[in-house]
Amino acid sequence: MSSVLLEVKNISKIFRYGLFGFEFKAVDNVSLTLEDKPFIFTVAGESGSGKTTLARIILGVHTPEYGEILYRGRNIHRLKGEDLIWFRKEVQAVFQDPYASFNPLKKVYDYLYETAKNVAKISENEIEANIEEVLKRVGLSLEKVKGRYPSEFSGGELQRVSVARALITRPRLIIADEPVSMLDASLRVTIVNLFKEFKDDLKISFMYITHDLSTAYYISDYIAIMYRGWIVEQGPVEKVFTEPLHPYTQTLLLSAPMPDPKWREKWLKAIKLTTSIEEKEFLAKGCKYASRCPNAMKKCFEQTPLEFIVNGVKVKCWLYEK
């Protein structure tokens, strides 16, 4: 059996910005390899970095123009019939807005029931017991959920129902796209603690998509930093957060509420974060971050940087060429 759970191989996804706008690669030649063991792998970056698009490609929602996604050695965009049902059991999703995940006119229990019957293929006489079990795992009860509509739950409760629904199929991988961004700080901890618990107890792996570096540091084993469709740095979370290599990672970490690292003063005046779509950066000939980087060299404006490995961390930056 393959030791690789998920392999993202040179994925690119092209979108058009605006009705008559420019074409750009929302995900630009991205590669990732995730081992077949329980982990929490975070993809972090600003809005517009491409992290949600990458998640949707892995889920099969978007089809890439280039590259392929292999889940346990199988190309997910070629799966059909029973193979596709197998993939949907193995890989589940939890999305940002819990209220958008449920039809307001449909009872929440119906979603759980349909997932158990149609995706997990649980026999009719065992469905309710299975639903009750997963609800208990997220701190809810069958009595509290059955017969109620989405509007009768708080945001935190409904997000826990979303997590419970994902658990019904007993997945190997859950892709959580900004799952706590719409919740209060106290509720965020509840949800991310569930992820840590399920990784340890149920041996489920998570791909956690976020712009929240605090929760990323709290729960992650590994992290990838995205900028304008590129992964600019990836490695063990402790190394990336304590000794960030890429200038963008260093700048991004300055926005997080954490103790001043030794390099903070150097970069404090260089912060140039933006949540807008910058055409010149997506179409840049060299490094997409060069126009914002205080350490940019002539080469950075002329050639796309290669990926280098420094102390077990991959970094896409010419500063590490030697």
C-alpha atoms as a PDB file:
ATOM      1  CA  MET A   1       0.000   0.000   0.000  1.00  0.00           C
ATOM      2  CA  SER A   2       1.219   3.493  -0.844  1.00  0.00           C
ATOM      3  CA  SER A   3       2.789   5.497   1.996  1.00  0.00           C
ATOM      4  CA  VAL A   4       1.398   8.669   0.414  1.00  0.00           C
ATOM      5  CA  LEU A   5      -2.155   9.751   1.232  1.00  0.00           C
ATOM      6  CA  LEU A   6      -2.424  12.773  -1.048  1.00  0.00           C
ATOM      7  CA  GLU A   7      -0.167  13.966  -3.837  1.00  0.00           C
ATOM      8  CA  VAL A   8      -0.749  17.306  -5.548  1.00  0.00           C
ATOM      9  CA  LYS A   9       1.358  17.366  -8.704  1.00  0.00           C
ATOM     10  CA  ASN A  10       2.051  20.665 -10.505  1.00  0.00           C
ATOM     11  CA  ILE A  11      -1.528  21.923 -10.246  1.00  0.00           C
ATOM     12  CA  SER A  12      -2.578  25.113 -12.036  1.00  0.00           C
ATOM     13  CA  LYS A  13      -6.061  26.654 -12.184  1.00  0.00           C
ATOM     14  CA  ILE A  14      -6.853  29.618 -14.425  1.00  0.00           C
ATOM     15  CA  PHE A  15      -9.653  32.132 -13.784  1.00  0.00           C
ATOM     16  CA  ARG A  16     -10.727  35.393 -15.427  1.00  0.00           C
ATOM     17  CA  TYR A  17     -10.941  38.387 -13.089  1.00  0.00           C
ATOM     18  CA  GLY A  18     -14.024  40.464 -13.935  1.00  0.00           C
ATOM     19  CA  LEU A  19     -16.170  40.311 -17.085  1.00  0.00           C
ATOM     20  CA  PHE A  20     -13.455  41.657 -19.370  1.00  0.00           C
ATOM     21  CA  GLY A  21     -10.560  41.324 -16.954  1.00  0.00           C
ATOM     22  CA  PHE A  22      -7.254  39.531 -17.150  1.00  0.00           C
ATOM     23  CA  GLU A  23      -6.711  35.799 -16.935  1.00  0.00           C
ATOM     24  CA  PHE A  24      -4.617  34.669 -14.025  1.00  0.00           C
ATOM     25  CA  LYS A  25      -3.527  31.469 -12.316  1.00  0.00           C
ATOM     26  CA  ALA A  26      -5.350  31.325  -8.985  1.00  0.00           C
ATOM     27  CA  VAL A  27      -3.236  28.233  -8.287  1.00  0.00           C
ATOM     28  CA  ASP A  28       0.099  28.258 -10.079  1.00  0.00           C
ATOM     29  CA  ASN A  29       2.143  25.055 -10.416  1.00  0.00           C
ATOM     30  CA  VAL A  30       1.518  23.860  -6.841  1.00  0.00           C
ATOM     31  CA  SER A  31       2.873  20.553  -5.564  1.00  0.00           C
ATOM     32  CA  LEU A  32       2.323  18.890  -2.181  1.00  0.00           C
ATOM     33  CA  THR A  33       2.939  15.410  -0.818  1.00  0.00           C
ATOM     34  CA  LEU A  34       1.105  14.332   2.338  1.00  0.00           C
ATOM     35  CA  GLU A  35       2.093  11.082   4.005  1.00  0.00           C
ATOM     36  CA  ASP A  36      -0.435   8.411   4.915  1.00  0.00           C
ATOM     37  CA  LYS A  37      -0.411   9.066   8.665  1.00  0.00           C
ATOM     38  CA  PRO A  38      -2.620  11.242  10.928  1.00  0.00           C
ATOM     39  CA  PHE A  39      -1.618  14.881  10.596  1.00  0.00           C
ATOM     40  CA  ILE A  40      -2.965  18.416  10.456  1.00  0.00           C
ATOM     41  CA  PHE A  41      -1.586  20.193   7.413  1.00  0.00           C
ATOM     42  CA  THR A  42      -2.410  23.878   7.190  1.00  0.00           C
ATOM     43  CA  VAL A  43      -2.520  26.024   4.063  1.00  0.00           C
ATOM     44  CA  ALA A  44      -2.333  29.670   5.132  1.00  0.00           C
ATOM     45  CA  GLY A  45      -2.286  33.020   3.369  1.00  0.00           C
ATOM     46  CA  GLU A  46      -4.177  36.217   2.673  1.00  0.00           C
ATOM     47  CA  SER A  47      -7.475  36.428   0.810  1.00  0.00           C
ATOM     48  CA  GLY A  48      -6.694  35.943  -2.856  1.00  0.00           C
ATOM     49  CA  SER A  49      -3.726  33.668  -2.215  1.00  0.00           C
ATOM     50  CA  GLY A  50      -5.404  30.655  -3.842  1.00  0.00           C
ATOM     51  CA  LYS A  51      -5.813  28.459  -0.778  1.00  0.00           C
ATOM     52  CA  THR A  52      -9.590  27.940  -1.142  1.00  0.00           C
ATOM     53  CA  THR A  53      -9.234  27.229  -4.864  1.00  0.00           C
ATOM     54  CA  LEU A  54      -6.604  24.608  -4.033  1.00  0.00           C
ATOM     55  CA  ALA A  55      -8.971  23.013  -1.499  1.00  0.00           C
ATOM     56  CA  ARG A  56     -11.788  22.867  -4.054  1.00  0.00           C
ATOM     57  CA  ILE A  57      -9.515  21.249  -6.626  1.00  0.00           C
ATOM     58  CA  ILE A  58      -8.572  18.560  -4.100  1.00  0.00           C
ATOM     59  CA  LEU A  59     -12.256  18.002  -3.343  1.00  0.00           C
ATOM     60  CA  GLY A  60     -12.989  17.639  -7.058  1.00  0.00           C
ATOM     61  CA  VAL A  61     -15.161  20.767  -7.230  1.00  0.00           C
ATOM     62  CA  HIS A  62     -12.766  22.462  -9.684  1.00  0.00           C
ATOM     63  CA  THR A  63     -10.815  20.746 -12.436  1.00  0.00           C
ATOM     64  CA  PRO A  64      -7.278  22.052 -12.947  1.00  0.00           C
ATOM     65  CA  GLU A  65      -6.012  23.116 -16.360  1.00  0.00           C
ATOM     66  CA  TYR A  66      -2.669  21.478 -15.599  1.00  0.00           C
ATOM     67  CA  GLY A  67      -1.420  18.812 -13.221  1.00  0.00           C
ATOM     68  CA  GLU A  68      -3.188  16.080 -11.302  1.00  0.00           C
ATOM     69  CA  ILE A  69      -4.382  15.125  -7.817  1.00  0.00           C
ATOM     70  CA  LEU A  70      -3.621  11.614  -6.621  1.00  0.00           C
ATOM     71  CA  TYR A  71      -5.452  10.317  -3.567  1.00  0.00           C
ATOM     72  CA  ARG A  72      -3.912   7.032  -2.404  1.00  0.00           C
ATOM     73  CA  GLY A  73      -2.423   6.707  -5.862  1.00  0.00           C
ATOM     74  CA  ARG A  74      -5.628   7.363  -7.837  1.00  0.00           C
ATOM     75  CA  ASN A  75      -6.373  10.420  -9.971  1.00  0.00           C
ATOM     76  CA  ILE A  76      -9.466  11.931  -8.352  1.00  0.00           C
ATOM     77  CA  HIS A  77     -10.632  13.707 -11.520  1.00  0.00           C
ATOM     78  CA  ARG A  78     -10.912  10.393 -13.343  1.00  0.00           C
ATOM     79  CA  LEU A  79     -12.976   8.574 -10.736  1.00  0.00           C
ATOM     80  CA  LYS A  80     -16.472   7.388 -11.681  1.00  0.00           C
ATOM     81  CA  GLY A  81     -19.256   5.282 -10.225  1.00  0.00           C
ATOM     82  CA  GLU A  82     -18.257   3.232  -7.183  1.00  0.00           C
ATOM     83  CA  ASP A  83     -14.757   4.686  -7.226  1.00  0.00           C
ATOM     84  CA  LEU A  84     -16.185   8.195  -6.892  1.00  0.00           C
ATOM     85  CA  ILE A  85     -18.416   7.107  -3.999  1.00  0.00           C
ATOM     86  CA  TRP A  86     -15.305   5.598  -2.359  1.00  0.00           C
ATOM     87  CA  PHE A  87     -13.470   8.906  -2.677  1.00  0.00           C
ATOM     88  CA  ARG A  88     -16.386  10.864  -1.191  1.00  0.00           C
ATOM     89  CA  LYS A  89     -16.403   8.526   1.788  1.00  0.00           C
ATOM     90  CA  GLU A  90     -12.669   8.863   2.272  1.00  0.00           C
ATOM     91  CA  VAL A  91     -12.442  12.658   1.834  1.00  0.00           C
ATOM     92  CA  GLN A  92     -14.969  14.935   3.531  1.00  0.00           C
ATOM     93  CA  ALA A  93     -15.258  18.722   3.789  1.00  0.00           C
ATOM     94  CA  VAL A  94     -16.194  21.325   6.393  1.00  0.00           C
ATOM     95  CA  PHE A  95     -16.831  24.795   4.983  1.00  0.00           C
ATOM     96  CA  GLN A  96     -16.578  28.341   6.287  1.00  0.00           C
ATOM     97  CA  ASP A  97     -20.232  29.317   6.695  1.00  0.00           C
ATOM     98  CA  PRO A  98     -22.260  26.622   8.472  1.00  0.00           C
ATOM     99  CA  TYR A  99     -25.555  28.314   7.569  1.00  0.00           C
ATOM    100  CA  ALA A 100     -24.678  28.193   3.868  1.00  0.00           C
ATOM    101  CA  SER A 101     -24.054  24.445   4.159  1.00  0.00           C
ATOM    102  CA  PHE A 102     -27.673  23.685   5.099  1.00  0.00           C
ATOM    103  CA  ASN A 103     -30.938  24.515   3.342  1.00  0.00           C
ATOM    104  CA  PRO A 104     -32.914  26.685   5.812  1.00  0.00           C
ATOM    105  CA  LEU A 105     -36.112  24.856   4.845  1.00  0.00           C
ATOM    106  CA  LYS A 106     -34.706  21.401   5.487  1.00  0.00           C
ATOM    107  CA  LYS A 107     -34.238  19.794   8.889  1.00  0.00           C
ATOM    108  CA  VAL A 108     -30.630  19.264   9.913  1.00  0.00           C
ATOM    109  CA  TYR A 109     -31.144  15.604  10.816  1.00  0.00           C
ATOM    110  CA  ASP A 110     -32.146  14.874   7.216  1.00  0.00           C
ATOM    111  CA  TYR A 111     -28.649  15.821   6.058  1.00  0.00           C
ATOM    112  CA  LEU A 112     -27.090  13.452   8.543  1.00  0.00           C
ATOM    113  CA  TYR A 113     -29.483  10.673   7.568  1.00  0.00           C
ATOM    114  CA  GLU A 114     -28.850  11.099   3.829  1.00  0.00           C
ATOM    115  CA  THR A 115     -25.074  11.097   4.313  1.00  0.00           C
ATOM    116  CA  ALA A 116     -25.309   7.906   6.388  1.00  0.00           C
ATOM    117  CA  LYS A 117     -27.568   6.159   3.881  1.00  0.00           C
ATOM    118  CA  ASN A 118     -26.280   7.349   0.491  1.00  0.00           C
ATOM    119  CA  VAL A 119     -22.580   7.985   1.064  1.00  0.00           C
ATOM    120  CA  ALA A 120     -21.574   5.864   4.073  1.00  0.00           C
ATOM    121  CA  LYS A 121     -23.955   3.075   2.966  1.00  0.00           C
ATOM    122  CA  ILE A 122     -24.976   2.302   6.547  1.00  0.00           C
ATOM    123  CA  SER A 123     -27.878  -0.128   6.908  1.00  0.00           C
ATOM    124  CA  GLU A 124     -31.234   1.386   7.804  1.00  0.00           C
ATOM    125  CA  ASN A 125     -31.446  -0.143  11.273  1.00  0.00           C
ATOM    126  CA  GLU A 126     -28.020   1.220  12.247  1.00  0.00           C
ATOM    127  CA  ILE A 127     -28.260   4.769  10.875  1.00  0.00           C
ATOM    128  CA  GLU A 128     -29.711   6.463  13.955  1.00  0.00           C
ATOM    129  CA  ALA A 129     -27.202   4.853  16.291  1.00  0.00           C
ATOM    130  CA  ASN A 130     -24.330   5.978  14.068  1.00  0.00           C
ATOM    131  CA  ILE A 131     -25.675   9.530  13.916  1.00  0.00           C
ATOM    132  CA  GLU A 132     -26.069   9.597  17.682  1.00  0.00           C
ATOM    133  CA  GLU A 133     -22.464   8.433  18.088  1.00  0.00           C
ATOM    134  CA  VAL A 134     -20.947  11.178  15.897  1.00  0.00           C
ATOM    135  CA  LEU A 135     -23.128  13.851  17.500  1.00  0.00           C
ATOM    136  CA  LYS A 136     -21.830  12.844  20.936  1.00  0.00           C
ATOM    137  CA  ARG A 137     -18.280  13.175  19.640  1.00  0.00           C
ATOM    138  CA  VAL A 138     -18.878  16.851  18.786  1.00  0.00           C
ATOM    139  CA  GLY A 139     -20.708  17.590  22.044  1.00  0.00           C
ATOM    140  CA  LEU A 140     -24.289  17.396  20.769  1.00  0.00           C
ATOM    141  CA  SER A 141     -27.127  14.904  21.202  1.00  0.00           C
ATOM    142  CA  LEU A 142     -29.681  13.293  18.930  1.00  0.00           C
ATOM    143  CA  GLU A 143     -32.438  14.853  21.040  1.00  0.00           C
ATOM    144  CA  LYS A 144     -31.015  18.327  20.508  1.00  0.00           C
ATOM    145  CA  VAL A 145     -30.674  17.942  16.740  1.00  0.00           C
ATOM    146  CA  LYS A 146     -33.616  15.853  15.576  1.00  0.00           C
ATOM    147  CA  GLY A 147     -36.601  17.798  14.255  1.00  0.00           C
ATOM    148  CA  ARG A 148     -34.846  21.188  14.204  1.00  0.00           C
ATOM    149  CA  TYR A 149     -34.038  23.572  11.360  1.00  0.00           C
ATOM    150  CA  PRO A 150     -30.674  25.335  10.820  1.00  0.00           C
ATOM    151  CA  SER A 151     -32.046  28.652  12.112  1.00  0.00           C
ATOM    152  CA  GLU A 152     -32.653  27.031  15.513  1.00  0.00           C
ATOM    153  CA  PHE A 153     -28.916  26.481  16.072  1.00  0.00           C
ATOM    154  CA  SER A 154     -26.135  28.893  16.944  1.00  0.00           C
ATOM    155  CA  GLY A 155     -23.248  29.206  14.495  1.00  0.00           C
ATOM    156  CA  GLY A 156     -21.001  27.125  16.735  1.00  0.00           C
ATOM    157  CA  GLU A 157     -23.606  24.387  17.133  1.00  0.00           C
ATOM    158  CA  LEU A 158     -24.264  24.220  13.413  1.00  0.00           C
ATOM    159  CA  GLN A 159     -20.558  24.018  12.624  1.00  0.00           C
ATOM    160  CA  ARG A 160     -20.297  21.085  15.042  1.00  0.00           C
ATOM    161  CA  VAL A 161     -23.144  19.439  13.131  1.00  0.00           C
ATOM    162  CA  SER A 162     -21.099  19.973   9.945  1.00  0.00           C
ATOM    163  CA  VAL A 163     -18.160  18.229  11.571  1.00  0.00           C
ATOM    164  CA  ALA A 164     -20.445  15.392  12.735  1.00  0.00           C
ATOM    165  CA  ARG A 165     -21.757  14.935   9.207  1.00  0.00           C
ATOM    166  CA  ALA A 166     -18.177  14.662   7.928  1.00  0.00           C
ATOM    167  CA  LEU A 167     -17.435  11.984  10.532  1.00  0.00           C
ATOM    168  CA  ILE A 168     -20.335   9.742   9.490  1.00  0.00           C
ATOM    169  CA  THR A 169     -18.413   8.276   6.540  1.00  0.00           C
ATOM    170  CA  ARG A 170     -15.362   7.557   8.719  1.00  0.00           C
ATOM    171  CA  PRO A 171     -13.061   9.533   6.413  1.00  0.00           C
ATOM    172  CA  ARG A 172      -9.282   9.367   6.174  1.00  0.00           C
ATOM    173  CA  LEU A 173      -9.013  13.066   5.285  1.00  0.00           C
ATOM    174  CA  ILE A 174     -11.145  16.109   6.142  1.00  0.00           C
ATOM    175  CA  ILE A 175     -10.575  19.359   4.286  1.00  0.00           C
ATOM    176  CA  ALA A 176     -11.663  22.236   6.516  1.00  0.00           C
ATOM    177  CA  ASP A 177     -11.897  25.529   4.608  1.00  0.00           C
ATOM    178  CA  GLU A 178     -11.837  28.485   7.044  1.00  0.00           C
ATOM    179  CA  PRO A 179     -14.057  26.492   9.447  1.00  0.00           C
ATOM    180  CA  VAL A 180     -13.749  28.926  12.386  1.00  0.00           C
ATOM    181  CA  SER A 181     -13.490  32.318  10.682  1.00  0.00           C
ATOM    182  CA  MET A 182     -17.165  33.142  11.318  1.00  0.00           C
ATOM    183  CA  LEU A 183     -17.163  32.019  14.955  1.00  0.00           C
ATOM    184  CA  ASP A 184     -16.369  33.827  18.195  1.00  0.00           C
ATOM    185  CA  ALA A 185     -12.888  33.301  19.625  1.00  0.00           C
ATOM    186  CA  SER A 186     -14.114  30.936  22.356  1.00  0.00           C
ATOM    187  CA  LEU A 187     -15.969  28.804  19.811  1.00  0.00           C
ATOM    188  CA  ARG A 188     -12.950  28.663  17.516  1.00  0.00           C
ATOM    189  CA  VAL A 189     -10.993  26.826  20.186  1.00  0.00           C
ATOM    190  CA  THR A 190     -13.822  24.302  20.552  1.00  0.00           C
ATOM    191  CA  ILE A 191     -13.765  23.421  16.853  1.00  0.00           C
ATOM    192  CA  VAL A 192      -9.982  23.238  16.442  1.00  0.00           C
ATOM    193  CA  ASN A 193      -9.719  21.136  19.601  1.00  0.00           C
ATOM    194  CA  LEU A 194     -12.120  18.672  17.976  1.00  0.00           C
ATOM    195  CA  PHE A 195      -9.737  18.416  15.016  1.00  0.00           C
ATOM    196  CA  LYS A 196      -6.816  17.655  17.320  1.00  0.00           C
ATOM    197  CA  GLU A 197      -8.907  15.076  19.185  1.00  0.00           C
ATOM    198  CA  PHE A 198     -10.046  13.320  16.018  1.00  0.00           C
ATOM    199  CA  LYS A 199      -6.495  13.238  14.645  1.00  0.00           C
ATOM    200  CA  ASP A 200      -5.305  11.452  17.783  1.00  0.00           C
ATOM    201  CA  ASP A 201      -8.313   9.249  18.563  1.00  0.00           C
ATOM    202  CA  LEU A 202      -9.798   8.490  15.138  1.00  0.00           C
ATOM    203  CA  LYS A 203      -6.576   8.744  13.098  1.00  0.00           C
ATOM    204  CA  ILE A 204      -8.122  11.279  10.733  1.00  0.00           C
ATOM    205  CA  SER A 205      -5.891  13.681   8.810  1.00  0.00           C
ATOM    206  CA  PHE A 206      -6.919  17.297   8.236  1.00  0.00           C
ATOM    207  CA  MET A 207      -6.082  19.898   5.643  1.00  0.00           C
ATOM    208  CA  TYR A 208      -6.850  23.138   7.442  1.00  0.00           C
ATOM    209  CA  ILE A 209      -7.332  26.208   5.214  1.00  0.00           C
ATOM    210  CA  THR A 210      -7.022  29.504   7.068  1.00  0.00           C
ATOM    211  CA  HIS A 211      -5.777  33.075   7.257  1.00  0.00           C
ATOM    212  CA  ASP A 212      -5.729  32.805  11.072  1.00  0.00           C
ATOM    213  CA  LEU A 213      -2.108  32.167  11.997  1.00  0.00           C
ATOM    214  CA  SER A 214      -2.887  31.790  15.697  1.00  0.00           C
ATOM    215  CA  THR A 215      -5.095  28.719  15.231  1.00  0.00           C
ATOM    216  CA  ALA A 216      -2.726  27.447  12.532  1.00  0.00           C
ATOM    217  CA  TYR A 217       0.177  27.455  14.987  1.00  0.00           C
ATOM    218  CA  TYR A 218      -1.978  25.902  17.710  1.00  0.00           C
ATOM    219  CA  ILE A 219      -3.133  22.818  15.825  1.00  0.00           C
ATOM    220  CA  SER A 220      -0.801  22.239  12.866  1.00  0.00           C
ATOM    221  CA  ASP A 221       1.909  19.682  12.306  1.00  0.00           C
ATOM    222  CA  TYR A 222       2.917  21.101   8.938  1.00  0.00           C
ATOM    223  CA  ILE A 223       2.131  24.352   7.157  1.00  0.00           C
ATOM    224  CA  ALA A 224       2.272  25.740   3.624  1.00  0.00           C
ATOM    225  CA  ILE A 225       2.231  29.501   3.028  1.00  0.00           C
ATOM    226  CA  MET A 226       0.518  30.641  -0.182  1.00  0.00           C
ATOM    227  CA  TYR A 227       0.937  33.906  -2.053  1.00  0.00           C
ATOM    228  CA  ARG A 228      -0.666  34.768  -5.400  1.00  0.00           C
ATOM    229  CA  GLY A 229      -1.188  31.124  -6.302  1.00  0.00           C
ATOM    230  CA  TRP A 230       2.277  29.955  -5.267  1.00  0.00           C
ATOM    231  CA  ILE A 231       3.333  27.971  -2.229  1.00  0.00           C
ATOM    232  CA  VAL A 232       6.292  30.079  -1.148  1.00  0.00           C
ATOM    233  CA  GLU A 233       7.241  28.091   1.951  1.00  0.00           C
ATOM    234  CA  GLN A 234       6.287  24.769   3.518  1.00  0.00           C
ATOM    235  CA  GLY A 235       7.539  22.628   6.343  1.00  0.00           C
ATOM    236  CA  PRO A 236       7.051  21.691  10.019  1.00  0.00           C
ATOM    237  CA  VAL A 237       5.000  24.421  11.682  1.00  0.00           C
ATOM    238  CA  GLU A 238       7.535  25.006  14.485  1.00  0.00           C
ATOM    239  CA  LYS A 239      10.321  25.707  12.007  1.00  0.00           C
ATOM    240  CA  VAL A 240       8.237  27.916   9.728  1.00  0.00           C
ATOM    241  CA  PHE A 241       6.887  30.021  12.601  1.00  0.00           C
ATOM    242  CA  THR A 242      10.084  30.372  14.624  1.00  0.00           C
ATOM    243  CA  GLU A 243      12.555  30.697  11.740  1.00  0.00           C
ATOM    244  CA  PRO A 244      10.553  31.890   8.706  1.00  0.00           C
ATOM    245  CA  LEU A 245      12.614  31.926   5.523  1.00  0.00           C
ATOM    246  CA  HIS A 246      10.553  33.575   2.807  1.00  0.00           C
ATOM    247  CA  PRO A 247      10.186  37.379   3.030  1.00  0.00           C
ATOM    248  CA  TYR A 248       6.426  37.045   2.609  1.00  0.00           C
ATOM    249  CA  THR A 249       6.177  34.530   5.466  1.00  0.00           C
ATOM    250  CA  GLN A 250       8.155  36.898   7.673  1.00  0.00           C
ATOM    251  CA  THR A 251       5.873  39.801   6.756  1.00  0.00           C
ATOM    252  CA  LEU A 252       2.730  37.722   7.212  1.00  0.00           C
ATOM    253  CA  LEU A 253       3.766  36.622  10.682  1.00  0.00           C
ATOM    254  CA  LEU A 254       4.135  40.259  11.729  1.00  0.00           C
ATOM    255  CA  SER A 255       0.351  40.563  11.474  1.00  0.00           C
ATOM    256  CA  ALA A 256      -0.203  37.710  13.964  1.00  0.00           C
ATOM    257  CA  PRO A 257      -0.539  38.352  17.718  1.00  0.00           C
ATOM    258  CA  MET A 258       2.593  36.568  18.889  1.00  0.00           C
ATOM    259  CA  PRO A 259       5.803  37.526  20.726  1.00  0.00           C
ATOM    260  CA  ASP A 260       8.297  39.614  18.761  1.00  0.00           C
ATOM    261  CA  PRO A 261      10.748  37.323  16.987  1.00  0.00           C
ATOM    262  CA  LYS A 262      14.354  38.402  16.499  1.00  0.00           C
ATOM    263  CA  TRP A 263      13.704  39.534  12.929  1.00  0.00           C
ATOM    264  CA  ARG A 264      10.598  41.612  13.666  1.00  0.00           C
ATOM    265  CA  GLU A 265      12.170  45.073  13.686  1.00  0.00           C
ATOM    266  CA  LYS A 266      13.906  44.436  10.401  1.00  0.00           C
ATOM    267  CA  TRP A 267      10.600  43.773   8.670  1.00  0.00           C
ATOM    268  CA  LEU A 268       8.255  46.072  10.590  1.00  0.00           C
ATOM    269  CA  LYS A 269       8.619  48.904   8.090  1.00  0.00           C
ATOM    270  CA  ALA A 270       8.258  46.541   5.141  1.00  0.00           C
ATOM    271  CA  ILE A 271       4.692  45.325   5.736  1.00  0.00           C
ATOM    272  CA  LYS A 272       2.765  45.477   2.501  1.00  0.00           C
ATOM    273  CA  LEU A 273      -0.134  43.084   2.935  1.00  0.00           C
ATOM    274  CA  THR A 274      -3.093  43.403   0.599  1.00  0.00           C
ATOM    275  CA  THR A 275      -6.355  41.536   0.059  1.00  0.00           C
ATOM    276  CA  SER A 276      -6.942  42.883  -3.450  1.00  0.00           C
ATOM    277  CA  ILE A 277      -6.208  41.158  -6.750  1.00  0.00           C
ATOM    278  CA  GLU A 278      -3.012  42.714  -8.116  1.00  0.00           C
ATOM    279  CA  GLU A 279      -2.748  42.024 -11.840  1.00  0.00           C
ATOM    280  CA  LYS A 280       0.931  42.973 -12.037  1.00  0.00           C
ATOM    281  CA  GLU A 281       1.823  40.417  -9.351  1.00  0.00           C
ATOM    282  CA  PHE A 282      -0.072  37.520 -10.906  1.00  0.00           C
ATOM    283  CA  LEU A 283       1.507  38.281 -14.283  1.00  0.00           C
ATOM    284  CA  ALA A 284       4.981  39.125 -12.971  1.00  0.00           C
ATOM    285  CA  LYS A 285       7.848  37.770 -15.045  1.00  0.00           C
ATOM    286  CA  GLY A 286       9.946  36.876 -12.017  1.00  0.00           C
ATOM    287  CA  CYS A 287       8.920  36.561  -8.371  1.00  0.00           C
ATOM    288  CA  LYS A 288       5.349  37.636  -7.617  1.00  0.00           C
ATOM    289  CA  TYR A 289       6.462  39.128  -4.322  1.00  0.00           C
ATOM    290  CA  ALA A 290       9.422  41.085  -5.705  1.00  0.00           C
ATOM    291  CA  SER A 291       7.614  44.431  -5.925  1.00  0.00           C
ATOM    292  CA  ARG A 292       6.875  44.269  -2.164  1.00  0.00           C
ATOM    293  CA  CYS A 293      10.080  42.644  -0.957  1.00  0.00           C
ATOM    294  CA  PRO A 294      12.764  44.843   0.648  1.00  0.00           C
ATOM    295  CA  ASN A 295      15.412  42.229  -0.219  1.00  0.00           C
ATOM    296  CA  ALA A 296      14.509  41.924  -3.916  1.00  0.00           C
ATOM    297  CA  MET A 297      17.436  41.598  -6.308  1.00  0.00           C
ATOM    298  CA  LYS A 298      17.566  42.172 -10.051  1.00  0.00           C
ATOM    299  CA  LYS A 299      17.206  38.437 -10.607  1.00  0.00           C
ATOM    300  CA  CYS A 300      13.926  38.420  -8.634  1.00  0.00           C
ATOM    301  CA  PHE A 301      12.286  40.628 -11.268  1.00  0.00           C
ATOM    302  CA  GLU A 302      13.543  38.568 -14.185  1.00  0.00           C
ATOM    303  CA  GLN A 303      13.346  34.870 -13.271  1.00  0.00           C
ATOM    304  CA  THR A 304      10.761  32.727 -11.495  1.00  0.00           C
ATOM    305  CA  PRO A 305      12.421  31.515  -8.296  1.00  0.00           C
ATOM    306  CA  LEU A 306      13.245  27.854  -7.851  1.00  0.00           C
ATOM    307  CA  GLU A 307      12.385  25.888  -4.713  1.00  0.00           C
ATOM    308  CA  PHE A 308      15.229  25.278  -2.264  1.00  0.00           C
ATOM    309  CA  ILE A 309      15.378  23.138   0.892  1.00  0.00           C
ATOM    310  CA  VAL A 310      16.820  24.818   3.975  1.00  0.00           C
ATOM    311  CA  ASN A 311      16.898  22.879   7.265  1.00  0.00           C
ATOM    312  CA  GLY A 312      13.977  20.688   6.218  1.00  0.00           C
ATOM    313  CA  VAL A 313      11.840  23.591   4.975  1.00  0.00           C
ATOM    314  CA  LYS A 314      11.037  24.191   1.297  1.00  0.00           C
ATOM    315  CA  VAL A 315      11.235  27.838   0.235  1.00  0.00           C
ATOM    316  CA  LYS A 316      10.621  29.425  -3.158  1.00  0.00           C
ATOM    317  CA  CYS A 317      13.076  32.333  -3.047  1.00  0.00           C
ATOM    318  CA  TRP A 318      16.324  33.330  -4.781  1.00  0.00           C
ATOM    319  CA  LEU A 319      17.798  34.432  -1.443  1.00  0.00           C
ATOM    320  CA  TYR A 320      18.526  30.765  -0.703  1.00  0.00           C
ATOM    321  CA  GLU A 321      20.110  29.841  -4.010  1.00  0.00           C
ATOM    322  CA  LYS A 322      23.494  29.243  -2.327  1.00  0.00           C
END
